Amino acid sequence: MTEIETETPRFPDVGLSVIFPAYNEESNLQRTLPCAVATLRRMVGRFEVIIIDDCSVDRTGAIADELAQRYPEIRVVHNAKNLRQGGCLKLGFEIATLPFVTHNAVDYPFDFEDLPALLSRLPDADIVVAARRTYPGITLPRQFVSFVNRSLLHAMFGAPVRDYNFIQIYRRHVLHDLPTISDATSFITPEKIIRAHRRGMRVVEVEVEYHRRLTGKPSSANYRNIRRALEDMTRLWIELRRDQRDQR
C-alpha cells in the first residue's frame, strides 16, 4: 500500500480524531501508523492522529516524532509523567479537535479497514461501540477477567452493549458533556458509555473483528488497573444511586 492516497474518501463529510496511547511500542509503531494513515486518507475527509507517548523508555517517542515529520496528520504528545492507558485516553479526549473521536492501540487490534461498519452508523448515534466477535491470542486468564468485568458492568449499570472496552467512536461534544470520574484503563470508556445511556443518548453497537498482537506485550491487565477500575465502578454506582434517590 502506498503512503499517499488520492482517491475520494468514502466518508468525505467526517472529521475524525484518532488517539493512539503508546508505551514502549517501538516494535509496532513504525509498522502500524503508516497503514493507519493510508487507510484514514481513503476513509474520511479530515482526520488527525494523536500519538501520546506515555514516558516510554525505548524509541517510541523518537519514532513518533519521525512519523509526525512524514505525515502532517500526525501530532505527538510526550507525557511528563506516566498516565497509563486510561490517563492517555482521557488526555486525548480533551485535546481532540475534530467532530468525531475514536482511539486504537498501537498494535492495531482494530483494523481501520473495518471503519465503514462504524462510520455508517454515525447519523443515528452519539456513540458507536465496536464489539469483538472473537478474542484470538487472548489468554484464558485475561478472557476470564474480561468476562467478570462485563458481568459486573451489566449487573450494576445495565447499559445495552456487550463490549465496553474495545473501540468506540464518539461525537466530540458527548465526550465534553459527560462528566468523568475515572481514568482507570478498564473503566474510562465504560463510564462514558454508561453515562451516555443514562442520559438517553443514542448508543449503538457494531460487531467487528479483533486482531491479535503480533509483537510486544500488553500492559493494561494488571492488579493495579483492575483495582482502580473496581474502585471507580463502585464510586459511579454510588453516585448514580444517589442521583436516582434525589430525583424521586
Protein backbone atom coordinates (compact mmCIF):
# COMPACT_ATOMS: atom_id res chain seq x y z
CA MET A 1 0.00 0.00 0.00
CA THR A 2 1.37 3.43 -0.89
CA GLU A 3 1.67 6.11 1.78
CA ILE A 4 -0.25 8.72 -0.22
CA GLU A 5 -3.78 8.02 -1.40
CA THR A 6 -5.58 10.41 -3.76
CA GLU A 7 -8.97 8.75 -4.22
CA THR A 8 -12.11 10.39 -2.83
CA PRO A 9 -12.71 9.38 0.79
CA ARG A 10 -15.69 7.10 1.40
CA PHE A 11 -16.96 9.42 4.16
CA PRO A 12 -15.91 12.89 2.94
CA ASP A 13 -18.03 14.77 5.49
CA VAL A 14 -16.50 13.04 8.52
CA GLY A 15 -13.77 14.73 10.56
CA LEU A 16 -12.13 12.17 12.86
CA SER A 17 -9.62 12.49 15.69
CA VAL A 18 -7.78 9.23 16.40
CA ILE A 19 -5.94 8.68 19.70
CA PHE A 20 -3.06 6.21 19.98
CA PRO A 21 -1.69 5.77 23.52
CA ALA A 22 1.85 4.43 23.21
CA TYR A 23 4.07 2.93 25.90
CA ASN A 24 7.20 1.05 24.77
CA GLU A 25 5.72 0.27 21.35
CA GLU A 26 8.78 0.77 19.13
CA SER A 27 8.24 -2.66 17.55
CA ASN A 28 4.69 -1.76 16.45
CA LEU A 29 4.67 2.00 15.82
CA GLN A 30 6.61 2.03 12.56
CA ARG A 31 4.55 -0.87 11.21
CA THR A 32 1.02 0.22 12.09
CA LEU A 33 0.91 4.03 11.90
CA PRO A 34 1.70 4.36 8.15
CA CYS A 35 -1.00 1.77 7.47
CA ALA A 36 -3.47 3.66 9.69
CA VAL A 37 -2.77 6.98 7.97
CA ALA A 38 -3.10 5.50 4.47
CA THR A 39 -6.42 3.88 5.37
CA LEU A 40 -7.79 7.01 7.05
CA ARG A 41 -6.94 9.05 3.94
CA ARG A 42 -9.22 6.76 1.96
CA MET A 43 -11.96 6.70 4.57
CA VAL A 44 -12.63 10.20 5.90
CA GLY A 45 -12.49 13.79 4.67
CA ARG A 46 -10.39 15.11 7.55
CA PHE A 47 -8.51 13.42 10.36
CA GLU A 48 -5.81 13.89 12.94
CA VAL A 49 -3.79 11.16 14.60
CA ILE A 50 -2.71 11.94 18.15
CA ILE A 51 0.12 9.71 19.39
CA ILE A 52 0.52 10.04 23.16
CA ASP A 53 3.96 8.81 24.22
CA ASP A 54 3.46 7.75 27.83
CA CYS A 55 7.04 8.12 29.11
CA SER A 56 8.32 5.22 27.03
CA VAL A 57 11.85 4.05 27.82
CA ASP A 58 12.53 2.70 24.33
CA ARG A 59 12.48 4.59 20.98
CA THR A 60 8.70 5.03 20.89
CA GLY A 61 8.90 8.80 21.37
CA ALA A 62 11.60 9.28 18.76
CA ILE A 63 9.80 7.11 16.20
CA ALA A 64 6.55 9.02 16.85
CA ASP A 65 8.34 12.32 16.17
CA GLU A 66 9.80 10.89 12.94
CA LEU A 67 6.33 9.80 11.83
CA ALA A 68 4.95 13.28 12.55
CA GLN A 69 7.62 14.71 10.24
CA ARG A 70 6.47 12.36 7.45
CA TYR A 71 2.73 12.69 7.92
CA PRO A 72 1.16 16.13 8.52
CA GLU A 73 -1.93 14.50 10.05
CA ILE A 74 0.08 13.15 12.99
CA ARG A 75 0.81 15.13 16.12
CA VAL A 76 2.71 13.80 19.13
CA VAL A 77 2.26 14.45 22.83
CA HIS A 78 5.08 13.43 25.18
CA ASN A 79 3.73 12.96 28.70
CA ALA A 80 5.76 14.48 31.54
CA LYS A 81 4.69 11.57 33.75
CA ASN A 82 3.30 8.12 33.07
CA LEU A 83 -0.51 8.32 32.86
CA ARG A 84 -1.18 4.72 31.81
CA GLN A 85 -3.59 3.93 29.01
CA GLY A 86 -6.67 5.33 30.73
CA GLY A 87 -4.98 8.62 31.52
CA CYS A 88 -3.74 8.88 27.93
CA LEU A 89 -7.24 8.35 26.62
CA LYS A 90 -8.62 10.98 28.99
CA LEU A 91 -5.98 13.45 27.78
CA GLY A 92 -6.66 12.55 24.15
CA PHE A 93 -10.39 13.07 24.61
CA GLU A 94 -9.69 16.55 25.99
CA ILE A 95 -7.35 17.71 23.22
CA ALA A 96 -9.06 16.16 20.18
CA THR A 97 -10.24 18.87 17.79
CA LEU A 98 -12.49 17.20 15.18
CA PRO A 99 -16.23 16.44 15.41
CA PHE A 100 -15.80 12.68 15.95
CA VAL A 101 -13.25 10.97 18.19
CA THR A 102 -12.01 7.39 18.30
CA HIS A 103 -8.97 5.52 19.60
CA ASN A 104 -6.92 2.43 18.89
CA ALA A 105 -3.94 0.59 20.32
CA VAL A 106 -0.59 0.78 18.56
CA ASP A 107 -0.59 -2.98 18.00
CA TYR A 108 -3.67 -2.30 15.81
CA PRO A 109 -6.29 -4.67 17.26
CA PHE A 110 -8.93 -2.77 15.29
CA ASP A 111 -8.07 -2.62 11.58
CA PHE A 112 -9.25 0.71 10.13
CA GLU A 113 -10.34 -1.16 7.01
CA ASP A 114 -13.34 -2.07 9.21
CA LEU A 115 -14.17 1.58 9.94
CA PRO A 116 -17.07 1.78 7.42
CA ALA A 117 -19.16 -0.53 9.61
CA LEU A 118 -18.89 2.05 12.42
CA LEU A 119 -18.89 5.26 10.37
CA SER A 120 -22.08 4.26 8.56
CA ARG A 121 -23.91 4.33 11.91
CA LEU A 122 -22.88 7.88 12.85
CA PRO A 123 -26.05 9.59 11.61
CA ASP A 124 -28.07 7.51 14.10
CA ALA A 125 -25.71 7.50 17.07
CA ASP A 126 -23.95 9.62 19.66
CA ILE A 127 -21.59 6.73 20.43
CA VAL A 128 -20.82 3.77 18.17
CA VAL A 129 -19.42 0.82 20.12
CA ALA A 130 -17.33 -1.85 18.41
CA ALA A 131 -17.92 -5.32 19.87
CA ARG A 132 -15.34 -8.03 19.30
CA ARG A 133 -16.61 -11.18 17.58
CA THR A 134 -13.78 -13.34 18.93
CA TYR A 135 -10.67 -12.92 21.07
CA PRO A 136 -7.75 -14.52 19.18
CA GLY A 137 -4.47 -14.51 21.05
CA ILE A 138 -6.06 -13.52 24.38
CA THR A 139 -5.06 -15.84 27.23
CA LEU A 140 -7.73 -17.65 29.23
CA PRO A 141 -6.97 -15.67 32.42
CA ARG A 142 -7.43 -12.37 30.55
CA GLN A 143 -10.62 -13.67 28.95
CA PHE A 144 -11.90 -14.59 32.41
CA VAL A 145 -11.09 -11.12 33.77
CA SER A 146 -12.91 -9.56 30.81
CA PHE A 147 -15.93 -11.80 31.38
CA VAL A 148 -16.12 -10.87 35.06
CA ASN A 149 -15.75 -7.19 34.20
CA ARG A 150 -18.55 -7.29 31.63
CA SER A 151 -20.80 -9.23 34.00
CA LEU A 152 -20.29 -6.65 36.75
CA LEU A 153 -20.99 -3.76 34.39
CA HIS A 154 -24.21 -5.37 33.17
CA ALA A 155 -25.36 -6.20 36.70
CA MET A 156 -24.56 -2.77 38.17
CA PHE A 157 -25.47 -0.44 35.31
CA GLY A 158 -27.39 -2.30 32.62
CA ALA A 159 -26.06 -0.42 29.60
CA PRO A 160 -27.20 -2.30 26.48
CA VAL A 161 -23.82 -3.23 24.96
CA ARG A 162 -21.70 -6.39 25.03
CA ASP A 163 -18.23 -4.85 24.80
CA TYR A 164 -17.30 -1.79 26.85
CA ASN A 165 -13.51 -1.89 26.48
CA PHE A 166 -12.58 -2.18 22.82
CA ILE A 167 -13.11 0.68 20.34
CA GLN A 168 -15.75 3.40 20.21
CA ILE A 169 -16.47 6.45 18.05
CA TYR A 170 -17.84 9.43 19.99
CA ARG A 171 -19.29 12.72 18.94
CA ARG A 172 -16.76 15.12 20.45
CA HIS A 173 -19.40 17.17 22.24
CA VAL A 174 -20.54 13.98 24.02
CA LEU A 175 -17.08 13.50 25.49
CA HIS A 176 -17.11 17.07 26.78
CA ASP A 177 -20.71 16.98 28.01
CA LEU A 178 -20.32 13.80 30.07
CA PRO A 179 -18.50 14.13 33.42
CA THR A 180 -15.71 11.66 34.08
CA ILE A 181 -14.51 10.45 37.47
CA SER A 182 -12.26 7.69 36.17
CA ASP A 183 -9.03 7.48 34.25
CA ALA A 184 -8.64 3.77 35.00
CA THR A 185 -7.68 1.85 31.89
CA SER A 186 -10.51 -0.66 32.31
CA PHE A 187 -13.22 1.84 33.22
CA ILE A 188 -12.76 5.15 31.39
CA THR A 189 -14.69 4.04 28.30
CA PRO A 190 -17.33 2.02 30.19
CA GLU A 191 -18.06 5.14 32.27
CA LYS A 192 -18.67 7.20 29.11
CA ILE A 193 -20.99 4.54 27.68
CA ILE A 194 -22.90 4.14 30.96
CA ARG A 195 -23.38 7.88 31.46
CA ALA A 196 -24.49 8.33 27.85
CA HIS A 197 -27.04 5.54 28.21
CA ARG A 198 -28.37 7.05 31.46
CA ARG A 199 -28.86 10.40 29.72
CA GLY A 200 -30.83 8.84 26.89
CA MET A 201 -28.12 9.34 24.29
CA ARG A 202 -28.04 7.07 21.26
CA VAL A 203 -25.58 4.21 21.82
CA VAL A 204 -25.34 1.60 19.05
CA GLU A 205 -23.12 -1.46 18.85
CA VAL A 206 -21.47 -2.99 15.77
CA GLU A 207 -19.72 -6.36 15.67
CA VAL A 208 -16.16 -6.28 14.31
CA GLU A 209 -13.06 -8.44 14.11
CA TYR A 210 -10.32 -8.31 16.74
CA HIS A 211 -6.73 -8.71 15.52
CA ARG A 212 -4.16 -10.31 17.77
CA ARG A 213 -0.97 -8.55 18.85
CA LEU A 214 1.99 -9.63 16.72
CA THR A 215 4.84 -8.14 18.78
CA GLY A 216 5.32 -6.67 22.24
CA LYS A 217 3.32 -7.38 25.38
CA PRO A 218 0.08 -5.81 26.67
CA SER A 219 0.49 -3.88 29.93
CA SER A 220 -3.05 -2.94 30.96
CA ALA A 221 -4.36 -6.17 32.55
CA ASN A 222 -2.62 -5.93 35.90
CA TYR A 223 -3.74 -5.86 39.52
CA ARG A 224 -3.33 -2.10 39.91
CA ASN A 225 -5.51 -1.31 36.90
CA ILE A 226 -8.17 -3.83 37.92
CA ARG A 227 -8.28 -2.46 41.48
CA ARG A 228 -8.67 1.13 40.27
CA ALA A 229 -11.41 0.12 37.86
CA LEU A 230 -13.34 -1.62 40.65
CA GLU A 231 -12.96 1.41 42.91
CA ASP A 232 -14.23 3.79 40.22
CA MET A 233 -17.03 1.41 39.28
CA THR A 234 -18.20 1.49 42.89
CA ARG A 235 -17.94 5.29 43.06
CA LEU A 236 -20.06 5.67 39.91
CA TRP A 237 -22.67 3.19 41.19
CA ILE A 238 -22.99 5.15 44.44
CA GLU A 239 -23.25 8.44 42.53
CA LEU A 240 -25.96 7.17 40.20
CA ARG A 241 -27.93 5.59 43.06
CA ARG A 242 -27.78 8.89 44.96
CA ASP A 243 -28.96 10.82 41.91
CA GLN A 244 -31.79 8.35 41.43
CA ARG A 245 -32.94 8.86 45.04
CA ASP A 246 -32.75 12.63 44.71
CA GLN A 247 -35.00 12.57 41.65
CA ARG A 248 -37.79 10.74 43.47
